[in-house]
Every structure is written in C-alpha cells, then in structure tokens.
Amino acid sequence: MREKSGYCNDMIWQTTRFEIDLNRPKLMGIVNVTPDSFSDGGQHGSTTSALAHCERLILEGADILDIGGESSRPGAIALSLEDELARVLPVLQEAVRLGVPVSVDTYKPQVMQAALDLGVDIINDIWALRWRAEGSDEGGAQVVAAHPNCGVCLMHMYQEPKTMQVQPMTGDVVPQVLSFLELVAQDLLGLGIEKSRVLLDPGIGFGKTVEQNFSLLRRQAELLRAGFPLLIGWSRKSSLAGMVADPAAGQTLTAQERLAPSLAAAVLAAERGASVLRVHDVKETVQALRVLEAIR
C-alpha cells in the first residue's frame, strides 16, 4: 500500500487516497454495522463497537476495511436511506483516520456520495451501480464518474436479496456472470472512469446454487478474461456449509463454524487469481495465505 503518486499499472487499484498494489492478494475485512447480517449481525451495531472491530481487523492484517449498514443476506428487506446513513456515516467518519483504505458497501447513490464526501476510498456495490431510486434516473455510476479517482467494485447479483435464492440462476453460470461483468465494466469505462479504478466480483451466493458457486471457483480463471482484477467473497457463505455438512445426518454448520471451509475457499480463490479477498476472519486468512505464498 502506498499514498497516491501518479504511478499506475494493471496491478494497481486506484482509489481515493491510496494506490493498492495487487501483486499479492489483499484482504478486505468485513465490518457489518447491522443487526441482521447472516454471519455477525448485531455484533458491531454501534459506532463504538464497529470502530473497535475495525481496529482489531487492522491489527490482524486487514489491508482494506469494508463497512456496510444494510444486510444483503438472502431474504433481506431493503433498509431506508435515512437508517443506512445513520448507521454508516459515523463509522466511516472515524474509519478514514485509521490509515488504511476504507470501502463502503452500499448500492444507494446518496450513501455513496455522502461516504465519498468523507474521504472514503472505494464504492463496493452489489448492484454494480444499476440500482435506481423510484422516479430517479441518476444512479451510482454518475456518482462514481463525478469523483476524480475513487475505486469501485462491481458485483454480479441475480435478482435482489429478497428473492435471489427463491429462484436462483439456471444453466452454465460462468459465461453468464462473465458477460454481465464485462458489460457493466465497459459501461463504466464509457463514462470516463479509468480502468485502474475498477474491480469485479462474481457474487458468490447472490442468486446462485451451491453447484454454481463452486463452478465459479473451479473456473474462476475464466472470469479474468474480462481484463479486470477480481474481488472474491467466500467467507462463511452457506454454500460452504452445504458442501461439508450432511443435513440428512443432522449435521449443520453455523456461520461462525465455517472457518475451515472459508479458509480453503480463500486459498483456492487466491491461487486462481483473486486480487482481493473479502473475509470475516482476517488473522486466520493471513496465516492460510502465507502457506500459499511459501510454495509459490
């Protein structure tokens, strides 16, 4: 990580305050300022507890903090703009002083703008800047395009959180996800956004079956054909539990019990070219990646 100097190549992620070197995988630590996230809802719901979690993740080795105020778990109900702003802005205001890049996990243009006004470095959007408020033609793409250098991550999601796992995707998921990501990335470049500002995320668990999620991991290298670095989020996802537990035998795994498969998926994703790994368990993922680095 380094302060901005004007230097840029294909392995540098340009963000508001930092040029993030992607020559080795970076860890994005998850900070959910929510009462209902699937993994840790309610644990960091106050500004004080969320900031303490930010500091702990940095000490454990997080390269980036990703702060969000609205749960995107399957079946989640949309949060009002006012409530989301009230949750995230106090945390973001303090987090930007911690010396690492800060990302805001949101799809609402007004939250994006407020966060960027505070100096936030990255917009991480599950809707890939496609969401529009009712009656509005302005979206997140316009907010990002108006900013001189913030980073952005565009994610693939089928349908929306409330319905995405009711009727997930069908068919071969890899070319469908690749085609979508190529399209939204090129649309953003068409607005004048520098390519070095953009990462892509295939959206593990967002409207996909267990098999489709693992197909995205198995064939992850194909997604690199879009020509952008990848951000991958396998941490504590239910597909991992579905692969290692046997419900017929009464076996289940809570979100907190999915550490071992989460680490395996993180290492495999890094081995297959992921540039950023979005994780809950930073310390353990750092240790797992050191094993991968030792054999490279």
C-alpha atoms as a PDB file:
ATOM      1  CA  MET A   1       0.000   0.000   0.000  1.00  0.00           C
ATOM      2  CA  ARG A   2       1.232   3.473  -0.705  1.00  0.00           C
ATOM      3  CA  GLU A   3      -0.029   7.002  -0.898  1.00  0.00           C
ATOM      4  CA  LYS A   4      -1.008   8.153  -4.366  1.00  0.00           C
ATOM      5  CA  SER A   5       1.986   9.055  -6.533  1.00  0.00           C
ATOM      6  CA  GLY A   6       0.604   9.004 -10.065  1.00  0.00           C
ATOM      7  CA  TYR A   7       2.137   5.594 -10.779  1.00  0.00           C
ATOM      8  CA  CYS A   8      -0.267   3.121 -12.392  1.00  0.00           C
ATOM      9  CA  ASN A   9      -0.185  -0.301 -13.992  1.00  0.00           C
ATOM     10  CA  ASP A  10      -2.546  -3.252 -14.366  1.00  0.00           C
ATOM     11  CA  MET A  11      -1.824  -4.470 -10.840  1.00  0.00           C
ATOM     12  CA  ILE A  12      -2.593  -1.212  -9.063  1.00  0.00           C
ATOM     13  CA  TRP A  13      -6.083  -0.407  -7.816  1.00  0.00           C
ATOM     14  CA  GLN A  14      -6.550   3.348  -7.904  1.00  0.00           C
ATOM     15  CA  THR A  15      -8.654   4.641  -5.021  1.00  0.00           C
ATOM     16  CA  THR A  16      -9.372   7.986  -3.425  1.00  0.00           C
ATOM     17  CA  ARG A  17      -6.289   8.169  -1.190  1.00  0.00           C
ATOM     18  CA  PHE A  18      -4.280   5.045  -1.973  1.00  0.00           C
ATOM     19  CA  GLU A  19      -2.844   3.063  -4.837  1.00  0.00           C
ATOM     20  CA  ILE A  20      -3.384  -0.530  -3.747  1.00  0.00           C
ATOM     21  CA  ASP A  21      -0.702  -2.911  -5.003  1.00  0.00           C
ATOM     22  CA  LEU A  22      -2.416  -6.087  -6.179  1.00  0.00           C
ATOM     23  CA  ASN A  23       0.726  -8.062  -6.937  1.00  0.00           C
ATOM     24  CA  ARG A  24      -0.195 -10.136  -3.910  1.00  0.00           C
ATOM     25  CA  PRO A  25      -3.774 -10.774  -2.702  1.00  0.00           C
ATOM     26  CA  LYS A  26      -5.156  -8.139  -0.370  1.00  0.00           C
ATOM     27  CA  LEU A  27      -7.572  -8.827   2.480  1.00  0.00           C
ATOM     28  CA  MET A  28     -10.741  -6.772   2.811  1.00  0.00           C
ATOM     29  CA  GLY A  29     -12.020  -7.057   6.376  1.00  0.00           C
ATOM     30  CA  ILE A  30     -15.798  -7.076   6.771  1.00  0.00           C
ATOM     31  CA  VAL A  31     -17.424  -4.612   9.178  1.00  0.00           C
ATOM     32  CA  ASN A  32     -21.201  -5.092   9.317  1.00  0.00           C
ATOM     33  CA  VAL A  33     -22.912  -2.225  11.137  1.00  0.00           C
ATOM     34  CA  THR A  34     -26.147  -4.192  11.069  1.00  0.00           C
ATOM     35  CA  PRO A  35     -28.481  -6.100  13.381  1.00  0.00           C
ATOM     36  CA  ASP A  36     -29.308  -8.810  10.827  1.00  0.00           C
ATOM     37  CA  SER A  37     -26.315  -9.813   8.695  1.00  0.00           C
ATOM     38  CA  PHE A  38     -26.175 -13.584   8.181  1.00  0.00           C
ATOM     39  CA  SER A  39     -22.839 -14.040   9.929  1.00  0.00           C
ATOM     40  CA  ASP A  40     -22.326 -11.396  12.606  1.00  0.00           C
ATOM     41  CA  GLY A  41     -25.476  -9.299  12.716  1.00  0.00           C
ATOM     42  CA  GLY A  42     -25.691  -7.205  15.872  1.00  0.00           C
ATOM     43  CA  GLN A  43     -22.104  -7.787  16.979  1.00  0.00           C
ATOM     44  CA  HIS A  44     -20.856  -4.444  15.660  1.00  0.00           C
ATOM     45  CA  GLY A  45     -24.094  -2.478  15.551  1.00  0.00           C
ATOM     46  CA  SER A  46     -22.892   0.586  17.467  1.00  0.00           C
ATOM     47  CA  THR A  47     -20.328   3.082  16.252  1.00  0.00           C
ATOM     48  CA  THR A  48     -18.051   2.265  19.179  1.00  0.00           C
ATOM     49  CA  SER A  49     -18.129  -1.500  18.646  1.00  0.00           C
ATOM     50  CA  ALA A  50     -17.792  -1.140  14.876  1.00  0.00           C
ATOM     51  CA  LEU A  51     -14.691   1.043  15.222  1.00  0.00           C
ATOM     52  CA  ALA A  52     -13.187  -1.352  17.752  1.00  0.00           C
ATOM     53  CA  HIS A  53     -13.736  -4.124  15.216  1.00  0.00           C
ATOM     54  CA  CYS A  54     -12.066  -2.001  12.510  1.00  0.00           C
ATOM     55  CA  GLU A  55      -9.004  -1.556  14.693  1.00  0.00           C
ATOM     56  CA  ARG A  56      -8.891  -5.260  15.526  1.00  0.00           C
ATOM     57  CA  LEU A  57      -9.074  -6.243  11.848  1.00  0.00           C
ATOM     58  CA  ILE A  58      -6.193  -3.895  11.009  1.00  0.00           C
ATOM     59  CA  LEU A  59      -4.068  -5.391  13.775  1.00  0.00           C
ATOM     60  CA  GLU A  60      -4.845  -8.861  12.411  1.00  0.00           C
ATOM     61  CA  GLY A  61      -3.642  -7.864   8.939  1.00  0.00           C
ATOM     62  CA  ALA A  62      -6.566  -6.374   7.029  1.00  0.00           C
ATOM     63  CA  ASP A  63      -5.416  -4.278   4.078  1.00  0.00           C
ATOM     64  CA  ILE A  64      -8.846  -2.707   3.474  1.00  0.00           C
ATOM     65  CA  LEU A  65     -11.932  -2.152   5.628  1.00  0.00           C
ATOM     66  CA  ASP A  66     -15.361  -2.743   4.063  1.00  0.00           C
ATOM     67  CA  ILE A  67     -18.110  -1.045   6.067  1.00  0.00           C
ATOM     68  CA  GLY A  68     -21.787  -1.653   5.375  1.00  0.00           C
ATOM     69  CA  GLY A  69     -25.062  -0.786   7.077  1.00  0.00           C
ATOM     70  CA  GLU A  70     -27.573  -2.926   5.179  1.00  0.00           C
ATOM     71  CA  SER A  71     -27.665  -6.711   5.192  1.00  0.00           C
ATOM     72  CA  SER A  72     -27.677  -8.396   1.778  1.00  0.00           C
ATOM     73  CA  ARG A  73     -28.335 -11.903   3.122  1.00  0.00           C
ATOM     74  CA  PRO A  74     -30.910 -13.978   1.205  1.00  0.00           C
ATOM     75  CA  GLY A  75     -34.388 -12.740   2.054  1.00  0.00           C
ATOM     76  CA  ALA A  76     -33.191  -9.413   3.456  1.00  0.00           C
ATOM     77  CA  ILE A  77     -35.603  -6.480   3.386  1.00  0.00           C
ATOM     78  CA  ALA A  78     -34.289  -3.195   1.975  1.00  0.00           C
ATOM     79  CA  LEU A  79     -33.216  -0.573   4.507  1.00  0.00           C
ATOM     80  CA  SER A  80     -34.339   3.044   4.297  1.00  0.00           C
ATOM     81  CA  LEU A  81     -31.843   5.656   3.180  1.00  0.00           C
ATOM     82  CA  GLU A  82     -32.123   7.510   6.479  1.00  0.00           C
ATOM     83  CA  ASP A  83     -31.401   4.420   8.552  1.00  0.00           C
ATOM     84  CA  GLU A  84     -28.425   3.406   6.422  1.00  0.00           C
ATOM     85  CA  LEU A  85     -26.879   6.856   6.625  1.00  0.00           C
ATOM     86  CA  ALA A  86     -27.376   6.923  10.391  1.00  0.00           C
ATOM     87  CA  ARG A  87     -25.595   3.576  10.736  1.00  0.00           C
ATOM     88  CA  VAL A  88     -22.600   4.020   8.480  1.00  0.00           C
ATOM     89  CA  LEU A  89     -21.638   7.690   8.385  1.00  0.00           C
ATOM     90  CA  PRO A  90     -20.386   7.950  11.997  1.00  0.00           C
ATOM     91  CA  VAL A  91     -18.281   4.814  11.482  1.00  0.00           C
ATOM     92  CA  LEU A  92     -16.903   5.952   8.125  1.00  0.00           C
ATOM     93  CA  GLN A  93     -16.026   9.390   9.520  1.00  0.00           C
ATOM     94  CA  GLU A  94     -13.715   7.807  12.067  1.00  0.00           C
ATOM     95  CA  ALA A  95     -12.531   4.845   9.972  1.00  0.00           C
ATOM     96  CA  VAL A  96     -10.937   7.076   7.328  1.00  0.00           C
ATOM     97  CA  ARG A  97      -8.485   8.188  10.042  1.00  0.00           C
ATOM     98  CA  LEU A  98      -7.145   4.671  10.654  1.00  0.00           C
ATOM     99  CA  GLY A  99      -4.535   4.724   7.888  1.00  0.00           C
ATOM    100  CA  VAL A 100      -5.916   2.052   5.554  1.00  0.00           C
ATOM    101  CA  PRO A 101      -8.244   2.216   2.535  1.00  0.00           C
ATOM    102  CA  VAL A 102     -11.914   2.291   3.504  1.00  0.00           C
ATOM    103  CA  SER A 103     -14.694   0.847   1.368  1.00  0.00           C
ATOM    104  CA  VAL A 104     -18.415   1.463   1.777  1.00  0.00           C
ATOM    105  CA  ASP A 105     -20.694  -1.467   0.975  1.00  0.00           C
ATOM    106  CA  THR A 106     -23.802   0.209  -0.456  1.00  0.00           C
ATOM    107  CA  TYR A 107     -25.937   0.445  -3.571  1.00  0.00           C
ATOM    108  CA  LYS A 108     -27.655   3.759  -2.805  1.00  0.00           C
ATOM    109  CA  PRO A 109     -26.187   6.752  -4.699  1.00  0.00           C
ATOM    110  CA  GLN A 110     -26.888   9.116  -1.793  1.00  0.00           C
ATOM    111  CA  VAL A 111     -24.888   6.927   0.603  1.00  0.00           C
ATOM    112  CA  MET A 112     -22.067   6.687  -1.948  1.00  0.00           C
ATOM    113  CA  GLN A 113     -21.903  10.467  -2.262  1.00  0.00           C
ATOM    114  CA  ALA A 114     -22.007  11.041   1.493  1.00  0.00           C
ATOM    115  CA  ALA A 115     -19.254   8.477   2.007  1.00  0.00           C
ATOM    116  CA  LEU A 116     -17.048   9.965  -0.704  1.00  0.00           C
ATOM    117  CA  ASP A 117     -17.547  13.388   0.828  1.00  0.00           C
ATOM    118  CA  LEU A 118     -15.960  11.967   3.993  1.00  0.00           C
ATOM    119  CA  GLY A 119     -12.929  10.734   2.050  1.00  0.00           C
ATOM    120  CA  VAL A 120     -13.914   7.074   1.610  1.00  0.00           C
ATOM    121  CA  ASP A 121     -11.712   5.275  -0.910  1.00  0.00           C
ATOM    122  CA  ILE A 122     -13.898   2.585  -2.511  1.00  0.00           C
ATOM    123  CA  ILE A 123     -17.518   2.013  -3.505  1.00  0.00           C
ATOM    124  CA  ASN A 124     -18.416  -1.684  -3.200  1.00  0.00           C
ATOM    125  CA  ASP A 125     -21.818  -2.204  -4.836  1.00  0.00           C
ATOM    126  CA  ILE A 126     -23.738  -5.485  -5.002  1.00  0.00           C
ATOM    127  CA  TRP A 127     -25.963  -3.921  -7.691  1.00  0.00           C
ATOM    128  CA  ALA A 128     -22.978  -2.940  -9.881  1.00  0.00           C
ATOM    129  CA  LEU A 129     -24.216   0.680  -9.930  1.00  0.00           C
ATOM    130  CA  ARG A 130     -27.532  -0.338 -11.579  1.00  0.00           C
ATOM    131  CA  TRP A 131     -29.911   0.488  -8.708  1.00  0.00           C
ATOM    132  CA  ARG A 132     -32.203   3.478  -9.092  1.00  0.00           C
ATOM    133  CA  ALA A 133     -34.437   5.110  -6.523  1.00  0.00           C
ATOM    134  CA  GLU A 134     -38.063   5.211  -7.611  1.00  0.00           C
ATOM    135  CA  GLY A 135     -38.600   8.101 -10.005  1.00  0.00           C
ATOM    136  CA  SER A 136     -34.891   8.853 -10.389  1.00  0.00           C
ATOM    137  CA  ASP A 137     -32.683   8.499 -13.454  1.00  0.00           C
ATOM    138  CA  GLU A 138     -29.490   9.131 -11.510  1.00  0.00           C
ATOM    139  CA  GLY A 139     -27.553   6.158 -10.161  1.00  0.00           C
ATOM    140  CA  GLY A 140     -24.283   5.219  -8.576  1.00  0.00           C
ATOM    141  CA  ALA A 141     -22.455   5.321 -11.911  1.00  0.00           C
ATOM    142  CA  GLN A 142     -22.949   9.079 -12.067  1.00  0.00           C
ATOM    143  CA  VAL A 143     -21.638   9.485  -8.509  1.00  0.00           C
ATOM    144  CA  VAL A 144     -18.531   7.439  -9.242  1.00  0.00           C
ATOM    145  CA  ALA A 145     -17.943   9.133 -12.592  1.00  0.00           C
ATOM    146  CA  ALA A 146     -18.100  12.556 -10.955  1.00  0.00           C
ATOM    147  CA  HIS A 147     -15.361  11.595  -8.490  1.00  0.00           C
ATOM    148  CA  PRO A 148     -11.800  12.006  -9.784  1.00  0.00           C
ATOM    149  CA  ASN A 149     -10.296   8.758  -8.504  1.00  0.00           C
ATOM    150  CA  CYS A 150     -12.354   6.615  -6.101  1.00  0.00           C
ATOM    151  CA  GLY A 151     -12.125   2.858  -6.551  1.00  0.00           C
ATOM    152  CA  VAL A 152     -15.187   0.791  -7.352  1.00  0.00           C
ATOM    153  CA  CYS A 153     -16.140  -2.885  -7.206  1.00  0.00           C
ATOM    154  CA  LEU A 154     -18.941  -4.109  -9.483  1.00  0.00           C
ATOM    155  CA  MET A 155     -20.662  -7.314  -8.362  1.00  0.00           C
ATOM    156  CA  HIS A 156     -22.910  -9.774 -10.162  1.00  0.00           C
ATOM    157  CA  MET A 157     -26.221 -10.428  -8.437  1.00  0.00           C
ATOM    158  CA  TYR A 158     -29.161 -12.339  -9.887  1.00  0.00           C
ATOM    159  CA  GLN A 159     -32.458 -10.664  -8.963  1.00  0.00           C
ATOM    160  CA  GLU A 160     -32.246  -8.988  -5.499  1.00  0.00           C
ATOM    161  CA  PRO A 161     -31.506 -10.088  -1.926  1.00  0.00           C
ATOM    162  CA  LYS A 162     -35.190 -10.569  -1.066  1.00  0.00           C
ATOM    163  CA  THR A 163     -35.750 -13.049  -3.921  1.00  0.00           C
ATOM    164  CA  MET A 164     -32.360 -14.164  -5.218  1.00  0.00           C
ATOM    165  CA  GLN A 165     -32.337 -17.609  -3.579  1.00  0.00           C
ATOM    166  CA  VAL A 166     -36.037 -18.320  -4.177  1.00  0.00           C
ATOM    167  CA  GLN A 167     -35.406 -18.836  -7.879  1.00  0.00           C
ATOM    168  CA  PRO A 168     -31.636 -18.807  -8.470  1.00  0.00           C
ATOM    169  CA  MET A 169     -29.929 -18.806 -11.840  1.00  0.00           C
ATOM    170  CA  THR A 170     -30.152 -21.717 -14.235  1.00  0.00           C
ATOM    171  CA  GLY A 171     -27.659 -23.091 -16.753  1.00  0.00           C
ATOM    172  CA  ASP A 172     -23.916 -22.568 -17.014  1.00  0.00           C
ATOM    173  CA  VAL A 173     -23.283 -19.703 -14.640  1.00  0.00           C
ATOM    174  CA  VAL A 174     -19.730 -18.803 -15.664  1.00  0.00           C
ATOM    175  CA  PRO A 175     -20.385 -17.318 -19.126  1.00  0.00           C
ATOM    176  CA  GLN A 176     -23.481 -15.537 -17.817  1.00  0.00           C
ATOM    177  CA  VAL A 177     -21.563 -13.889 -14.983  1.00  0.00           C
ATOM    178  CA  LEU A 178     -18.627 -13.059 -17.251  1.00  0.00           C
ATOM    179  CA  SER A 179     -20.892 -11.453 -19.857  1.00  0.00           C
ATOM    180  CA  PHE A 180     -22.645  -9.338 -17.231  1.00  0.00           C
ATOM    181  CA  LEU A 181     -19.411  -8.153 -15.624  1.00  0.00           C
ATOM    182  CA  GLU A 182     -17.887  -7.275 -18.984  1.00  0.00           C
ATOM    183  CA  LEU A 183     -20.978  -5.243 -19.875  1.00  0.00           C
ATOM    184  CA  VAL A 184     -21.204  -3.210 -16.652  1.00  0.00           C
ATOM    185  CA  ALA A 185     -17.455  -2.593 -16.636  1.00  0.00           C
ATOM    186  CA  GLN A 186     -17.457  -1.323 -20.188  1.00  0.00           C
ATOM    187  CA  ASP A 187     -20.444   0.898 -19.447  1.00  0.00           C
ATOM    188  CA  LEU A 188     -18.482   2.443 -16.597  1.00  0.00           C
ATOM    189  CA  LEU A 189     -15.399   2.969 -18.738  1.00  0.00           C
ATOM    190  CA  GLY A 190     -17.680   4.679 -21.239  1.00  0.00           C
ATOM    191  CA  LEU A 191     -18.379   7.335 -18.604  1.00  0.00           C
ATOM    192  CA  GLY A 192     -14.675   8.164 -18.450  1.00  0.00           C
ATOM    193  CA  ILE A 193     -13.709   6.001 -15.471  1.00  0.00           C
ATOM    194  CA  GLU A 194     -10.098   4.807 -15.624  1.00  0.00           C
ATOM    195  CA  LYS A 195      -9.789   1.035 -15.881  1.00  0.00           C
ATOM    196  CA  SER A 196      -7.346   1.013 -12.952  1.00  0.00           C
ATOM    197  CA  ARG A 197     -10.186   2.091 -10.642  1.00  0.00           C
ATOM    198  CA  VAL A 198     -12.369  -0.970 -11.316  1.00  0.00           C
ATOM    199  CA  LEU A 199     -12.544  -4.448  -9.752  1.00  0.00           C
ATOM    200  CA  LEU A 200     -15.125  -7.136 -10.499  1.00  0.00           C
ATOM    201  CA  ASP A 201     -16.870  -9.571  -8.144  1.00  0.00           C
ATOM    202  CA  PRO A 202     -18.773 -12.671  -9.392  1.00  0.00           C
ATOM    203  CA  GLY A 203     -21.109 -12.507  -6.394  1.00  0.00           C
ATOM    204  CA  ILE A 204     -20.710 -15.856  -4.649  1.00  0.00           C
ATOM    205  CA  GLY A 205     -24.077 -16.765  -3.123  1.00  0.00           C
ATOM    206  CA  PHE A 206     -26.038 -13.994  -4.785  1.00  0.00           C
ATOM    207  CA  GLY A 207     -28.707 -15.848  -6.746  1.00  0.00           C
ATOM    208  CA  LYS A 208     -26.648 -18.984  -7.432  1.00  0.00           C
ATOM    209  CA  THR A 209     -26.982 -22.613  -6.422  1.00  0.00           C
ATOM    210  CA  VAL A 210     -24.296 -24.403  -4.412  1.00  0.00           C
ATOM    211  CA  GLU A 211     -23.009 -26.101  -7.557  1.00  0.00           C
ATOM    212  CA  GLN A 212     -22.958 -22.831  -9.485  1.00  0.00           C
ATOM    213  CA  ASN A 213     -20.956 -21.145  -6.737  1.00  0.00           C
ATOM    214  CA  PHE A 214     -18.365 -23.916  -6.829  1.00  0.00           C
ATOM    215  CA  SER A 215     -18.329 -23.759 -10.603  1.00  0.00           C
ATOM    216  CA  LEU A 216     -17.338 -20.102 -10.291  1.00  0.00           C
ATOM    217  CA  LEU A 217     -14.474 -21.112  -8.003  1.00  0.00           C
ATOM    218  CA  ARG A 218     -13.379 -24.037 -10.146  1.00  0.00           C
ATOM    219  CA  ARG A 219     -13.404 -21.912 -13.325  1.00  0.00           C
ATOM    220  CA  GLN A 220     -12.534 -18.588 -11.723  1.00  0.00           C
ATOM    221  CA  ALA A 221      -9.643 -18.022 -14.119  1.00  0.00           C
ATOM    222  CA  GLU A 222     -12.161 -17.671 -16.951  1.00  0.00           C
ATOM    223  CA  LEU A 223     -13.523 -14.530 -15.288  1.00  0.00           C
ATOM    224  CA  LEU A 224     -10.126 -12.883 -15.684  1.00  0.00           C
ATOM    225  CA  ARG A 225     -10.843 -12.724 -19.421  1.00  0.00           C
ATOM    226  CA  ALA A 226     -12.837  -9.569 -18.710  1.00  0.00           C
ATOM    227  CA  GLY A 227      -9.479  -7.880 -18.149  1.00  0.00           C
ATOM    228  CA  PHE A 228     -10.046  -6.640 -14.590  1.00  0.00           C
ATOM    229  CA  PRO A 229      -8.795  -7.799 -11.180  1.00  0.00           C
ATOM    230  CA  LEU A 230     -11.229  -9.884  -9.150  1.00  0.00           C
ATOM    231  CA  LEU A 231     -12.614  -9.389  -5.656  1.00  0.00           C
ATOM    232  CA  ILE A 232     -13.921 -12.672  -4.222  1.00  0.00           C
ATOM    233  CA  GLY A 233     -16.099 -13.189  -1.138  1.00  0.00           C
ATOM    234  CA  TRP A 234     -16.469 -16.779   0.072  1.00  0.00           C
ATOM    235  CA  SER A 235     -16.217 -16.056   3.781  1.00  0.00           C
ATOM    236  CA  ARG A 236     -18.755 -18.051   5.846  1.00  0.00           C
ATOM    237  CA  LYS A 237     -21.094 -18.488   2.857  1.00  0.00           C
ATOM    238  CA  SER A 238     -23.837 -21.102   3.171  1.00  0.00           C
ATOM    239  CA  SER A 239     -22.564 -22.993   0.115  1.00  0.00           C
ATOM    240  CA  LEU A 240     -19.521 -23.968   2.169  1.00  0.00           C
ATOM    241  CA  ALA A 241     -21.758 -25.457   4.840  1.00  0.00           C
ATOM    242  CA  GLY A 242     -23.777 -27.221   2.169  1.00  0.00           C
ATOM    243  CA  MET A 243     -20.632 -28.852   0.842  1.00  0.00           C
ATOM    244  CA  VAL A 244     -19.110 -30.092   4.108  1.00  0.00           C
ATOM    245  CA  ALA A 245     -22.169 -30.787   6.310  1.00  0.00           C
ATOM    246  CA  ASP A 246     -24.729 -33.550   5.836  1.00  0.00           C
ATOM    247  CA  PRO A 247     -28.251 -32.305   6.674  1.00  0.00           C
ATOM    248  CA  ALA A 248     -29.621 -35.833   6.234  1.00  0.00           C
ATOM    249  CA  ALA A 249     -27.443 -36.907   9.136  1.00  0.00           C
ATOM    250  CA  GLY A 250     -28.485 -33.931  11.223  1.00  0.00           C
ATOM    251  CA  GLN A 251     -25.262 -32.035  10.556  1.00  0.00           C
ATOM    252  CA  THR A 252     -25.345 -28.258  10.282  1.00  0.00           C
ATOM    253  CA  LEU A 253     -22.750 -25.515  10.449  1.00  0.00           C
ATOM    254  CA  THR A 254     -23.457 -22.095  11.871  1.00  0.00           C
ATOM    255  CA  ALA A 255     -21.839 -19.143  10.128  1.00  0.00           C
ATOM    256  CA  GLN A 256     -19.179 -18.992  12.832  1.00  0.00           C
ATOM    257  CA  GLU A 257     -18.392 -22.696  12.372  1.00  0.00           C
ATOM    258  CA  ARG A 258     -17.487 -22.262   8.691  1.00  0.00           C
ATOM    259  CA  LEU A 259     -13.907 -21.121   9.306  1.00  0.00           C
ATOM    260  CA  ALA A 260     -12.119 -24.171   7.872  1.00  0.00           C
ATOM    261  CA  PRO A 261     -14.018 -24.262   4.554  1.00  0.00           C
ATOM    262  CA  SER A 262     -13.789 -20.469   4.333  1.00  0.00           C
ATOM    263  CA  LEU A 263     -10.000 -20.669   4.558  1.00  0.00           C
ATOM    264  CA  ALA A 264      -9.869 -23.425   1.945  1.00  0.00           C
ATOM    265  CA  ALA A 265     -12.013 -21.364  -0.437  1.00  0.00           C
ATOM    266  CA  ALA A 266      -9.913 -18.248   0.178  1.00  0.00           C
ATOM    267  CA  VAL A 267      -6.665 -20.042  -0.643  1.00  0.00           C
ATOM    268  CA  LEU A 268      -8.161 -21.627  -3.763  1.00  0.00           C
ATOM    269  CA  ALA A 269      -9.541 -18.272  -4.896  1.00  0.00           C
ATOM    270  CA  ALA A 270      -6.137 -16.620  -4.404  1.00  0.00           C
ATOM    271  CA  GLU A 271      -4.425 -19.468  -6.256  1.00  0.00           C
ATOM    272  CA  ARG A 272      -6.829 -18.953  -9.150  1.00  0.00           C
ATOM    273  CA  GLY A 273      -6.026 -15.259  -9.465  1.00  0.00           C
ATOM    274  CA  ALA A 274      -8.179 -13.337  -6.975  1.00  0.00           C
ATOM    275  CA  SER A 275      -6.663  -9.951  -6.156  1.00  0.00           C
ATOM    276  CA  VAL A 276      -8.824  -9.089  -3.136  1.00  0.00           C
ATOM    277  CA  LEU A 277     -10.431 -11.491  -0.669  1.00  0.00           C
ATOM    278  CA  ARG A 278     -13.373 -10.185   1.356  1.00  0.00           C
ATOM    279  CA  VAL A 279     -13.276 -12.015   4.696  1.00  0.00           C
ATOM    280  CA  HIS A 280     -14.557 -12.041   8.268  1.00  0.00           C
ATOM    281  CA  ASP A 281     -11.628 -13.988   9.750  1.00  0.00           C
ATOM    282  CA  VAL A 282      -8.611 -11.863   8.875  1.00  0.00           C
ATOM    283  CA  LYS A 283      -5.963 -13.339  11.178  1.00  0.00           C
ATOM    284  CA  GLU A 284      -6.631 -16.913  10.084  1.00  0.00           C
ATOM    285  CA  THR A 285      -6.780 -15.978   6.399  1.00  0.00           C
ATOM    286  CA  VAL A 286      -3.419 -14.199   6.680  1.00  0.00           C
ATOM    287  CA  GLN A 287      -1.940 -17.416   8.061  1.00  0.00           C
ATOM    288  CA  ALA A 288      -3.507 -19.552   5.321  1.00  0.00           C
ATOM    289  CA  LEU A 289      -2.209 -17.280   2.571  1.00  0.00           C
ATOM    290  CA  ARG A 290       1.319 -17.468   3.986  1.00  0.00           C
ATOM    291  CA  VAL A 291       1.259 -21.192   3.265  1.00  0.00           C
ATOM    292  CA  LEU A 292       0.262 -20.449  -0.325  1.00  0.00           C
ATOM    293  CA  GLU A 293       2.998 -17.816  -0.649  1.00  0.00           C
ATOM    294  CA  ALA A 294       5.573 -20.292   0.708  1.00  0.00           C
ATOM    295  CA  ILE A 295       5.016 -22.730  -2.134  1.00  0.00           C
ATOM    296  CA  ARG A 296       4.871 -20.173  -4.934  1.00  0.00           C
END
